[in-house]
Amino acid sequence: MEPKKLSNKETLREVYQLLCEKGYNPIGQIVGYLLSEDPTYITNYGNARSLIRRIDRDELMGELVRCYLELD
């Protein structure tokens, strides 16, 4: 049985929570990853690194811009 496919939002929330649990600055870590695509910005704790790599960065950036500009 395949694991449930999470939306980008669900995935980011899960990674955010895992980063918080480890005491990291989750916004800074996620932004660092999105800008550089360097997976070492994201901890392996709770499978967070694997989770965030499932996100298509271009798609996510488009979603973020649309949300920021309130186009939805």
C-alpha atoms as a PDB file:
ATOM      1  CA  MET A   1       0.000   0.000   0.000  1.00  0.00           C
ATOM      2  CA  GLU A   2       1.367   3.415  -1.015  1.00  0.00           C
ATOM      3  CA  PRO A   3       1.608   6.183   1.601  1.00  0.00           C
ATOM      4  CA  LYS A   4      -0.960   8.970   1.338  1.00  0.00           C
ATOM      5  CA  LYS A   5       0.100  11.762  -1.039  1.00  0.00           C
ATOM      6  CA  LEU A   6       0.255  14.992   0.941  1.00  0.00           C
ATOM      7  CA  SER A   7      -0.450  18.383  -0.621  1.00  0.00           C
ATOM      8  CA  ASN A   8       2.362  20.933  -0.679  1.00  0.00           C
ATOM      9  CA  LYS A   9       0.659  22.745   2.192  1.00  0.00           C
ATOM     10  CA  GLU A  10       0.343  19.593   4.292  1.00  0.00           C
ATOM     11  CA  THR A  11       3.950  18.670   3.571  1.00  0.00           C
ATOM     12  CA  LEU A  12       5.251  22.125   4.508  1.00  0.00           C
ATOM     13  CA  ARG A  13       3.241  22.093   7.732  1.00  0.00           C
ATOM     14  CA  GLU A  14       4.641  18.682   8.646  1.00  0.00           C
ATOM     15  CA  VAL A  15       8.222  19.769   7.907  1.00  0.00           C
ATOM     16  CA  TYR A  16       7.640  23.029   9.813  1.00  0.00           C
ATOM     17  CA  GLN A  17       6.426  21.096  12.867  1.00  0.00           C
ATOM     18  CA  LEU A  18       9.367  18.704  12.753  1.00  0.00           C
ATOM     19  CA  LEU A  19      11.829  21.604  12.530  1.00  0.00           C
ATOM     20  CA  CYS A  20      10.127  23.262  15.522  1.00  0.00           C
ATOM     21  CA  GLU A  21      10.387  20.035  17.520  1.00  0.00           C
ATOM     22  CA  LYS A  22      14.135  19.978  16.903  1.00  0.00           C
ATOM     23  CA  GLY A  23      14.488  23.624  17.972  1.00  0.00           C
ATOM     24  CA  TYR A  24      15.384  25.035  14.549  1.00  0.00           C
ATOM     25  CA  ASN A  25      14.156  28.272  12.962  1.00  0.00           C
ATOM     26  CA  PRO A  26      11.690  26.586  10.592  1.00  0.00           C
ATOM     27  CA  ILE A  27      11.048  29.573   8.331  1.00  0.00           C
ATOM     28  CA  GLY A  28      14.760  30.225   7.837  1.00  0.00           C
ATOM     29  CA  GLN A  29      15.485  26.550   7.213  1.00  0.00           C
ATOM     30  CA  ILE A  30      12.654  26.131   4.695  1.00  0.00           C
ATOM     31  CA  VAL A  31      13.542  29.352   2.858  1.00  0.00           C
ATOM     32  CA  GLY A  32      17.185  28.278   2.734  1.00  0.00           C
ATOM     33  CA  TYR A  33      16.176  24.964   1.223  1.00  0.00           C
ATOM     34  CA  LEU A  34      13.798  26.532  -1.308  1.00  0.00           C
ATOM     35  CA  LEU A  35      16.409  29.024  -2.483  1.00  0.00           C
ATOM     36  CA  SER A  36      19.328  26.622  -2.692  1.00  0.00           C
ATOM     37  CA  GLU A  37      17.723  23.171  -3.001  1.00  0.00           C
ATOM     38  CA  ASP A  38      20.401  22.083  -0.517  1.00  0.00           C
ATOM     39  CA  PRO A  39      18.734  19.308   1.500  1.00  0.00           C
ATOM     40  CA  THR A  40      21.051  19.842   4.473  1.00  0.00           C
ATOM     41  CA  TYR A  41      18.900  22.841   5.467  1.00  0.00           C
ATOM     42  CA  ILE A  42      16.278  20.293   6.527  1.00  0.00           C
ATOM     43  CA  THR A  43      16.825  17.802   9.341  1.00  0.00           C
ATOM     44  CA  ASN A  44      16.443  14.067   8.817  1.00  0.00           C
ATOM     45  CA  TYR A  45      14.400  14.000  12.036  1.00  0.00           C
ATOM     46  CA  GLY A  46      10.953  12.520  11.429  1.00  0.00           C
ATOM     47  CA  ASN A  47      11.767  11.999   7.748  1.00  0.00           C
ATOM     48  CA  ALA A  48      11.483  15.780   7.167  1.00  0.00           C
ATOM     49  CA  ARG A  49      14.209  15.875   4.508  1.00  0.00           C
ATOM     50  CA  SER A  50      12.542  13.156   2.494  1.00  0.00           C
ATOM     51  CA  LEU A  51       9.157  14.864   2.831  1.00  0.00           C
ATOM     52  CA  ILE A  52      10.313  18.256   1.588  1.00  0.00           C
ATOM     53  CA  ARG A  53      12.097  16.732  -1.408  1.00  0.00           C
ATOM     54  CA  ARG A  54       8.715  15.502  -2.678  1.00  0.00           C
ATOM     55  CA  ILE A  55       7.619  19.094  -3.260  1.00  0.00           C
ATOM     56  CA  ASP A  56       8.035  20.557  -6.740  1.00  0.00           C
ATOM     57  CA  ARG A  57       9.776  23.849  -5.921  1.00  0.00           C
ATOM     58  CA  ASP A  58       8.534  25.699  -9.016  1.00  0.00           C
ATOM     59  CA  GLU A  59       4.954  24.701  -8.291  1.00  0.00           C
ATOM     60  CA  LEU A  60       5.318  25.717  -4.656  1.00  0.00           C
ATOM     61  CA  MET A  61       6.839  29.090  -5.530  1.00  0.00           C
ATOM     62  CA  GLY A  62       3.897  29.756  -7.874  1.00  0.00           C
ATOM     63  CA  GLU A  63       1.464  28.868  -5.085  1.00  0.00           C
ATOM     64  CA  LEU A  64       3.294  31.151  -2.651  1.00  0.00           C
ATOM     65  CA  VAL A  65       3.240  34.123  -5.042  1.00  0.00           C
ATOM     66  CA  ARG A  66      -0.457  33.612  -5.848  1.00  0.00           C
ATOM     67  CA  CYS A  67      -1.247  33.399  -2.123  1.00  0.00           C
ATOM     68  CA  TYR A  68       0.880  36.435  -1.271  1.00  0.00           C
ATOM     69  CA  LEU A  69      -0.818  38.486  -3.983  1.00  0.00           C
ATOM     70  CA  GLU A  70      -4.191  37.056  -2.935  1.00  0.00           C
ATOM     71  CA  LEU A  71      -4.985  35.885  -6.462  1.00  0.00           C
ATOM     72  CA  ASP A  72      -6.954  32.809  -5.393  1.00  0.00           C
END
